[in-house]
Amino acid sequence: MKLKIKKLHENAVIPKQQHEGDVGIDLVSIDSGILKPQERKLFRTGIAIQPEKGYEMQIRPRSGLALKYGITVLNSPATIEPTYRGDVGIILYNAGDQPFEVKAGDRIAQAVFKRYEEKIDIEIVDELDDSVRGANGFGSTGV
């Protein structure tokens, strides 16, 4: 998969795979700020992207930040539409009980690229096919 990246800010860090074969690339904040417990805030990366046709960018939390500090990506996985050409922003949320400092240059999230269907044909019907699950959801399969 080919990814085009444009630097929008002089301090932007071009993301890369940390290890050969890694699924994602780490995203770096150009903003600094304190996230208080139960607070959410947008942090910019200073980059714009253009993925190869048929791919979307999904933003996910970094596992170390989640485990150690309770920092997560609020709308995870966040979708960056392949047609969006603005600054890739990340909404971080502090689910921990201590303030968390984000410094410019910190790796704050990871991006994974997924294929998607470019055209969705929608058909309005009166009935759907039966399935084993039916309309049961939200914990209906047990603990």
N, C-alpha and C. Protein backbone atom coordinates (compact mmCIF):
# COMPACT_ATOMS: atom_id res chain seq x y z
N MET A 1 0.85 -1.17 0.00
CA MET A 1 0.00 0.00 0.00
C MET A 1 0.90 1.24 0.00
N LYS A 2 0.60 2.15 -0.90
CA LYS A 2 1.38 3.39 -1.00
C LYS A 2 0.63 4.50 -0.28
N LEU A 3 1.37 5.29 0.49
CA LEU A 3 0.80 6.39 1.27
C LEU A 3 1.56 7.67 0.95
N LYS A 4 0.83 8.69 0.51
CA LYS A 4 1.44 10.00 0.30
C LYS A 4 1.17 10.83 1.56
N ILE A 5 2.21 11.54 2.03
CA ILE A 5 2.10 12.38 3.22
C ILE A 5 2.61 13.77 2.89
N LYS A 6 1.86 14.78 3.33
CA LYS A 6 2.25 16.18 3.17
C LYS A 6 2.46 16.78 4.56
N LYS A 7 3.61 17.41 4.78
CA LYS A 7 3.86 18.12 6.03
C LYS A 7 3.14 19.46 5.98
N LEU A 8 2.28 19.70 6.96
CA LEU A 8 1.55 20.96 7.05
C LEU A 8 2.17 21.91 8.07
N HIS A 9 3.07 21.38 8.88
CA HIS A 9 3.68 22.15 9.96
C HIS A 9 5.16 21.79 10.02
N GLU A 10 6.00 22.77 10.29
CA GLU A 10 7.45 22.53 10.29
C GLU A 10 7.89 21.49 11.33
N ASN A 11 7.14 21.36 12.42
CA ASN A 11 7.50 20.40 13.47
C ASN A 11 6.86 19.03 13.29
N ALA A 12 6.11 18.85 12.22
CA ALA A 12 5.47 17.56 11.99
C ALA A 12 6.52 16.47 11.79
N VAL A 13 6.21 15.30 12.33
CA VAL A 13 7.08 14.13 12.19
C VAL A 13 6.41 13.17 11.23
N ILE A 14 7.14 12.78 10.20
CA ILE A 14 6.59 11.83 9.24
C ILE A 14 6.54 10.46 9.93
N PRO A 15 5.34 9.86 10.01
CA PRO A 15 5.23 8.56 10.69
C PRO A 15 5.90 7.45 9.90
N LYS A 16 6.29 6.42 10.62
CA LYS A 16 6.91 5.25 9.98
C LYS A 16 6.64 4.02 10.82
N GLN A 17 6.81 2.87 10.21
CA GLN A 17 6.71 1.62 10.95
C GLN A 17 7.94 1.53 11.86
N GLN A 18 7.71 1.24 13.13
CA GLN A 18 8.82 1.16 14.08
C GLN A 18 9.68 -0.09 13.83
N HIS A 19 9.02 -1.16 13.38
CA HIS A 19 9.72 -2.41 13.09
C HIS A 19 9.19 -2.96 11.77
N GLU A 20 10.05 -3.58 11.00
CA GLU A 20 9.63 -4.19 9.75
C GLU A 20 8.51 -5.19 10.01
N GLY A 21 7.44 -5.08 9.26
CA GLY A 21 6.31 -5.99 9.43
C GLY A 21 5.24 -5.50 10.38
N ASP A 22 5.48 -4.38 11.09
CA ASP A 22 4.45 -3.83 11.98
C ASP A 22 3.22 -3.47 11.16
N VAL A 23 2.06 -3.62 11.77
CA VAL A 23 0.79 -3.32 11.10
C VAL A 23 0.57 -1.82 10.99
N GLY A 24 0.95 -1.08 12.02
CA GLY A 24 0.65 0.35 12.06
C GLY A 24 1.87 1.23 12.05
N ILE A 25 1.58 2.53 11.96
CA ILE A 25 2.62 3.56 12.06
C ILE A 25 2.23 4.48 13.21
N ASP A 26 3.23 4.91 13.99
CA ASP A 26 2.96 5.78 15.13
C ASP A 26 2.78 7.22 14.66
N LEU A 27 1.79 7.89 15.26
CA LEU A 27 1.50 9.28 14.95
C LEU A 27 1.99 10.17 16.09
N VAL A 28 2.58 11.29 15.74
CA VAL A 28 3.25 12.18 16.68
C VAL A 28 2.50 13.50 16.77
N SER A 29 2.32 14.00 17.98
CA SER A 29 1.63 15.27 18.21
C SER A 29 2.56 16.45 17.95
N ILE A 30 2.00 17.51 17.35
CA ILE A 30 2.73 18.77 17.27
C ILE A 30 2.27 19.71 18.37
N ASP A 31 1.24 19.32 19.10
CA ASP A 31 0.68 20.13 20.18
C ASP A 31 1.14 19.61 21.53
N SER A 32 1.16 20.51 22.50
CA SER A 32 1.40 20.15 23.90
C SER A 32 0.15 20.49 24.69
N GLY A 33 -0.04 19.78 25.79
CA GLY A 33 -1.18 20.09 26.65
C GLY A 33 -1.32 19.08 27.76
N ILE A 34 -2.11 19.46 28.75
CA ILE A 34 -2.41 18.58 29.88
C ILE A 34 -3.82 18.04 29.70
N LEU A 35 -3.96 16.74 29.82
CA LEU A 35 -5.27 16.09 29.80
C LEU A 35 -5.62 15.73 31.23
N LYS A 36 -6.62 16.40 31.78
CA LYS A 36 -7.07 16.09 33.13
C LYS A 36 -7.89 14.79 33.10
N PRO A 37 -8.04 14.11 34.23
CA PRO A 37 -8.88 12.92 34.26
C PRO A 37 -10.27 13.23 33.71
N GLN A 38 -10.78 12.32 32.90
CA GLN A 38 -12.10 12.41 32.26
C GLN A 38 -12.19 13.56 31.25
N GLU A 39 -11.06 14.05 30.77
CA GLU A 39 -11.05 15.13 29.79
C GLU A 39 -10.66 14.59 28.42
N ARG A 40 -11.19 15.21 27.38
CA ARG A 40 -10.84 14.88 26.01
C ARG A 40 -10.30 16.14 25.34
N LYS A 41 -9.37 15.95 24.40
CA LYS A 41 -8.76 17.09 23.73
C LYS A 41 -8.23 16.64 22.37
N LEU A 42 -8.30 17.56 21.42
CA LEU A 42 -7.79 17.29 20.08
C LEU A 42 -6.31 17.67 20.00
N PHE A 43 -5.50 16.75 19.51
CA PHE A 43 -4.08 17.00 19.28
C PHE A 43 -3.81 16.82 17.79
N ARG A 44 -3.11 17.80 17.21
CA ARG A 44 -2.81 17.76 15.78
C ARG A 44 -1.50 17.04 15.51
N THR A 45 -1.41 16.44 14.31
CA THR A 45 -0.17 15.78 13.90
C THR A 45 0.64 16.63 12.94
N GLY A 46 0.01 17.62 12.30
CA GLY A 46 0.72 18.46 11.35
C GLY A 46 0.95 17.80 10.00
N ILE A 47 0.25 16.69 9.74
CA ILE A 47 0.38 16.02 8.45
C ILE A 47 -0.99 15.84 7.81
N ALA A 48 -0.98 15.76 6.50
CA ALA A 48 -2.16 15.37 5.72
C ALA A 48 -1.76 14.13 4.94
N ILE A 49 -2.75 13.31 4.63
CA ILE A 49 -2.44 12.03 3.98
C ILE A 49 -3.27 11.84 2.71
N GLN A 50 -2.75 10.98 1.85
CA GLN A 50 -3.49 10.49 0.68
C GLN A 50 -3.13 9.02 0.51
N PRO A 51 -3.98 8.13 1.07
CA PRO A 51 -3.69 6.70 0.91
C PRO A 51 -4.00 6.24 -0.50
N GLU A 52 -3.45 5.11 -0.82
CA GLU A 52 -3.74 4.47 -2.10
C GLU A 52 -5.25 4.24 -2.23
N LYS A 53 -5.76 4.32 -3.43
CA LYS A 53 -7.19 4.13 -3.69
C LYS A 53 -7.67 2.82 -3.08
N GLY A 54 -8.81 2.89 -2.37
CA GLY A 54 -9.39 1.70 -1.76
C GLY A 54 -8.98 1.48 -0.31
N TYR A 55 -8.20 2.42 0.27
CA TYR A 55 -7.75 2.30 1.66
C TYR A 55 -8.21 3.49 2.48
N GLU A 56 -8.52 3.22 3.75
CA GLU A 56 -8.82 4.25 4.73
C GLU A 56 -7.77 4.16 5.82
N MET A 57 -7.61 5.25 6.57
CA MET A 57 -6.70 5.28 7.71
C MET A 57 -7.54 5.20 8.97
N GLN A 58 -7.21 4.25 9.85
CA GLN A 58 -7.87 4.14 11.15
C GLN A 58 -6.88 4.53 12.23
N ILE A 59 -7.33 5.39 13.15
CA ILE A 59 -6.50 5.83 14.27
C ILE A 59 -6.89 5.01 15.49
N ARG A 60 -5.89 4.43 16.14
CA ARG A 60 -6.11 3.57 17.30
C ARG A 60 -5.19 4.01 18.46
N PRO A 61 -5.58 3.64 19.68
CA PRO A 61 -4.73 3.98 20.83
C PRO A 61 -3.40 3.22 20.78
N ARG A 62 -2.42 3.75 21.47
CA ARG A 62 -1.17 3.03 21.70
C ARG A 62 -1.36 2.23 22.98
N SER A 63 -1.03 0.97 22.94
CA SER A 63 -1.32 0.09 24.08
C SER A 63 -0.57 0.51 25.34
N GLY A 64 0.64 0.99 25.22
CA GLY A 64 1.40 1.40 26.40
C GLY A 64 0.75 2.58 27.11
N LEU A 65 0.28 3.57 26.35
CA LEU A 65 -0.39 4.71 26.97
C LEU A 65 -1.71 4.29 27.63
N ALA A 66 -2.40 3.36 26.99
CA ALA A 66 -3.67 2.89 27.55
C ALA A 66 -3.44 2.14 28.86
N LEU A 67 -2.48 1.24 28.88
CA LEU A 67 -2.22 0.44 30.08
C LEU A 67 -1.63 1.27 31.22
N LYS A 68 -0.62 2.06 30.92
CA LYS A 68 0.09 2.78 31.98
C LYS A 68 -0.67 4.01 32.50
N TYR A 69 -1.40 4.70 31.60
CA TYR A 69 -1.98 5.99 31.99
C TYR A 69 -3.48 6.13 31.75
N GLY A 70 -4.09 5.16 31.08
CA GLY A 70 -5.52 5.26 30.78
C GLY A 70 -5.81 6.21 29.63
N ILE A 71 -4.84 6.45 28.77
CA ILE A 71 -5.01 7.37 27.63
C ILE A 71 -5.46 6.55 26.42
N THR A 72 -6.57 6.99 25.82
CA THR A 72 -7.10 6.27 24.68
C THR A 72 -7.55 7.26 23.60
N VAL A 73 -7.83 6.75 22.43
CA VAL A 73 -8.42 7.54 21.35
C VAL A 73 -9.92 7.42 21.54
N LEU A 74 -10.57 8.56 21.76
CA LEU A 74 -11.97 8.55 22.17
C LEU A 74 -12.89 7.86 21.17
N ASN A 75 -12.75 8.12 19.91
CA ASN A 75 -13.63 7.53 18.90
C ASN A 75 -12.92 6.40 18.16
N SER A 76 -12.32 5.52 18.91
CA SER A 76 -11.49 4.47 18.34
C SER A 76 -12.30 3.30 17.80
N PRO A 77 -11.96 2.77 16.62
CA PRO A 77 -10.98 3.37 15.73
C PRO A 77 -11.59 4.54 14.97
N ALA A 78 -10.87 5.64 14.95
CA ALA A 78 -11.31 6.81 14.20
C ALA A 78 -10.97 6.61 12.74
N THR A 79 -11.87 6.97 11.87
CA THR A 79 -11.64 6.85 10.44
C THR A 79 -11.23 8.20 9.87
N ILE A 80 -10.09 8.21 9.20
CA ILE A 80 -9.70 9.38 8.41
C ILE A 80 -10.08 9.05 6.98
N GLU A 81 -11.09 9.76 6.49
CA GLU A 81 -11.59 9.49 5.15
C GLU A 81 -10.48 9.67 4.12
N PRO A 82 -10.42 8.81 3.12
CA PRO A 82 -9.35 8.90 2.13
C PRO A 82 -9.41 10.16 1.27
N THR A 83 -10.53 10.87 1.30
CA THR A 83 -10.66 12.10 0.53
C THR A 83 -10.33 13.34 1.36
N TYR A 84 -10.07 13.18 2.66
CA TYR A 84 -9.74 14.30 3.55
C TYR A 84 -8.28 14.68 3.35
N ARG A 85 -8.02 15.97 3.18
CA ARG A 85 -6.66 16.44 2.95
C ARG A 85 -6.19 17.44 4.01
N GLY A 86 -6.90 17.52 5.13
CA GLY A 86 -6.51 18.42 6.20
C GLY A 86 -5.63 17.75 7.23
N ASP A 87 -5.28 18.50 8.27
CA ASP A 87 -4.44 18.00 9.36
C ASP A 87 -5.10 16.82 10.05
N VAL A 88 -4.36 15.74 10.19
CA VAL A 88 -4.86 14.55 10.89
C VAL A 88 -4.84 14.86 12.38
N GLY A 89 -6.03 15.00 12.96
CA GLY A 89 -6.16 15.28 14.39
C GLY A 89 -6.58 14.03 15.14
N ILE A 90 -6.16 13.95 16.39
CA ILE A 90 -6.45 12.78 17.22
C ILE A 90 -7.12 13.25 18.50
N ILE A 91 -8.30 12.69 18.79
CA ILE A 91 -9.02 13.03 20.01
C ILE A 91 -8.56 12.06 21.10
N LEU A 92 -7.77 12.57 22.03
CA LEU A 92 -7.32 11.74 23.15
C LEU A 92 -8.26 11.94 24.33
N TYR A 93 -8.42 10.87 25.11
CA TYR A 93 -9.26 10.89 26.30
C TYR A 93 -8.47 10.29 27.46
N ASN A 94 -8.54 10.95 28.61
CA ASN A 94 -7.86 10.47 29.80
C ASN A 94 -8.87 9.72 30.68
N ALA A 95 -8.84 8.40 30.63
CA ALA A 95 -9.70 7.57 31.47
C ALA A 95 -9.03 7.25 32.80
N GLY A 96 -7.83 7.77 33.00
CA GLY A 96 -7.10 7.54 34.24
C GLY A 96 -7.53 8.48 35.34
N ASP A 97 -6.83 8.40 36.48
CA ASP A 97 -7.18 9.24 37.62
C ASP A 97 -6.13 10.32 37.91
N GLN A 98 -5.17 10.48 37.00
CA GLN A 98 -4.12 11.48 37.13
C GLN A 98 -4.04 12.33 35.86
N PRO A 99 -3.68 13.61 35.97
CA PRO A 99 -3.45 14.41 34.77
C PRO A 99 -2.34 13.77 33.93
N PHE A 100 -2.44 13.92 32.62
CA PHE A 100 -1.45 13.36 31.70
C PHE A 100 -0.94 14.46 30.79
N GLU A 101 0.37 14.59 30.72
CA GLU A 101 0.96 15.63 29.87
C GLU A 101 1.34 15.07 28.51
N VAL A 102 0.86 15.73 27.48
CA VAL A 102 1.28 15.43 26.11
C VAL A 102 2.24 16.53 25.70
N LYS A 103 3.42 16.13 25.23
CA LYS A 103 4.41 17.10 24.77
C LYS A 103 4.52 16.99 23.25
N ALA A 104 4.74 18.13 22.61
CA ALA A 104 4.99 18.10 21.17
C ALA A 104 6.14 17.13 20.92
N GLY A 105 5.95 16.24 19.95
CA GLY A 105 6.97 15.23 19.65
C GLY A 105 6.65 13.87 20.23
N ASP A 106 5.63 13.78 21.10
CA ASP A 106 5.22 12.49 21.68
C ASP A 106 4.45 11.66 20.65
N ARG A 107 4.70 10.36 20.66
CA ARG A 107 3.89 9.43 19.86
C ARG A 107 2.62 9.19 20.66
N ILE A 108 1.47 9.55 20.09
CA ILE A 108 0.22 9.53 20.86
C ILE A 108 -0.82 8.52 20.36
N ALA A 109 -0.64 8.00 19.17
CA ALA A 109 -1.61 7.06 18.61
C ALA A 109 -0.93 6.29 17.49
N GLN A 110 -1.65 5.33 16.95
CA GLN A 110 -1.12 4.61 15.80
C GLN A 110 -2.17 4.59 14.69
N ALA A 111 -1.68 4.51 13.48
CA ALA A 111 -2.56 4.45 12.31
C ALA A 111 -2.40 3.10 11.64
N VAL A 112 -3.53 2.53 11.26
CA VAL A 112 -3.58 1.27 10.53
C VAL A 112 -4.40 1.53 9.27
N PHE A 113 -4.01 0.94 8.18
CA PHE A 113 -4.71 1.14 6.92
C PHE A 113 -5.50 -0.11 6.55
N LYS A 114 -6.77 0.12 6.22
CA LYS A 114 -7.68 -0.99 5.92
C LYS A 114 -8.34 -0.74 4.57
N ARG A 115 -8.53 -1.84 3.85
CA ARG A 115 -9.27 -1.77 2.58
C ARG A 115 -10.75 -1.55 2.90
N TYR A 116 -11.44 -0.92 2.00
CA TYR A 116 -12.87 -0.71 2.17
C TYR A 116 -13.56 -0.82 0.82
N GLU A 117 -14.86 -0.99 0.86
CA GLU A 117 -15.67 -1.04 -0.35
C GLU A 117 -15.92 0.39 -0.81
N GLU A 118 -15.55 0.70 -2.03
CA GLU A 118 -15.70 2.06 -2.53
C GLU A 118 -17.14 2.39 -2.92
N LYS A 119 -17.91 1.39 -3.25
CA LYS A 119 -19.31 1.64 -3.63
C LYS A 119 -20.19 0.70 -2.84
N ILE A 120 -21.19 1.25 -2.19
CA ILE A 120 -22.14 0.45 -1.42
C ILE A 120 -23.50 0.59 -2.08
N ASP A 121 -23.99 -0.52 -2.63
CA ASP A 121 -25.32 -0.53 -3.24
C ASP A 121 -26.34 -0.83 -2.15
N ILE A 122 -27.23 0.10 -1.90
CA ILE A 122 -28.24 -0.04 -0.85
C ILE A 122 -29.56 -0.44 -1.49
N GLU A 123 -30.16 -1.47 -0.91
CA GLU A 123 -31.46 -1.95 -1.37
C GLU A 123 -32.43 -1.88 -0.20
N ILE A 124 -33.53 -1.17 -0.38
CA ILE A 124 -34.57 -1.07 0.63
C ILE A 124 -35.49 -2.29 0.48
N VAL A 125 -35.68 -3.03 1.59
CA VAL A 125 -36.51 -4.23 1.55
C VAL A 125 -37.53 -4.19 2.69
N ASP A 126 -38.57 -5.02 2.57
CA ASP A 126 -39.56 -5.12 3.64
C ASP A 126 -39.14 -6.11 4.71
N GLU A 127 -38.34 -7.10 4.34
CA GLU A 127 -37.89 -8.14 5.27
C GLU A 127 -36.42 -8.46 5.02
N LEU A 128 -35.74 -8.89 6.08
CA LEU A 128 -34.37 -9.38 5.97
C LEU A 128 -34.37 -10.89 6.13
N ASP A 129 -33.36 -11.57 5.61
CA ASP A 129 -33.25 -13.01 5.77
C ASP A 129 -33.12 -13.36 7.25
N ASP A 130 -33.66 -14.50 7.65
CA ASP A 130 -33.51 -14.98 9.02
C ASP A 130 -32.06 -15.33 9.28
N SER A 131 -31.64 -15.21 10.54
CA SER A 131 -30.30 -15.63 10.94
C SER A 131 -30.39 -16.28 12.32
N VAL A 132 -29.36 -17.00 12.70
CA VAL A 132 -29.33 -17.66 14.01
C VAL A 132 -29.43 -16.63 15.13
N ARG A 133 -28.75 -15.52 14.97
CA ARG A 133 -28.73 -14.49 16.01
C ARG A 133 -30.02 -13.67 16.05
N GLY A 134 -30.59 -13.42 14.90
CA GLY A 134 -31.79 -12.60 14.85
C GLY A 134 -31.50 -11.18 15.30
N ALA A 135 -32.39 -10.60 16.10
CA ALA A 135 -32.24 -9.22 16.56
C ALA A 135 -31.58 -9.14 17.95
N ASN A 136 -31.08 -10.27 18.46
CA ASN A 136 -30.45 -10.27 19.79
C ASN A 136 -29.09 -9.61 19.74
N GLY A 137 -28.85 -8.66 20.63
CA GLY A 137 -27.58 -7.95 20.67
C GLY A 137 -27.27 -7.49 22.07
N PHE A 138 -26.22 -6.71 22.21
CA PHE A 138 -25.81 -6.10 23.48
C PHE A 138 -25.74 -7.12 24.62
N GLY A 139 -24.86 -8.09 24.48
CA GLY A 139 -24.64 -9.06 25.56
C GLY A 139 -25.53 -10.29 25.50
N SER A 140 -26.27 -10.45 24.42
CA SER A 140 -27.21 -11.57 24.35
C SER A 140 -26.53 -12.93 24.23
N THR A 141 -25.23 -12.95 23.90
CA THR A 141 -24.54 -14.23 23.78
C THR A 141 -23.86 -14.66 25.08
N GLY A 142 -24.09 -13.93 26.16
CA GLY A 142 -23.55 -14.32 27.46
C GLY A 142 -22.30 -13.55 27.81
N VAL A 143 -21.68 -13.97 28.91
CA VAL A 143 -20.52 -13.27 29.44
C VAL A 143 -19.26 -13.81 28.80
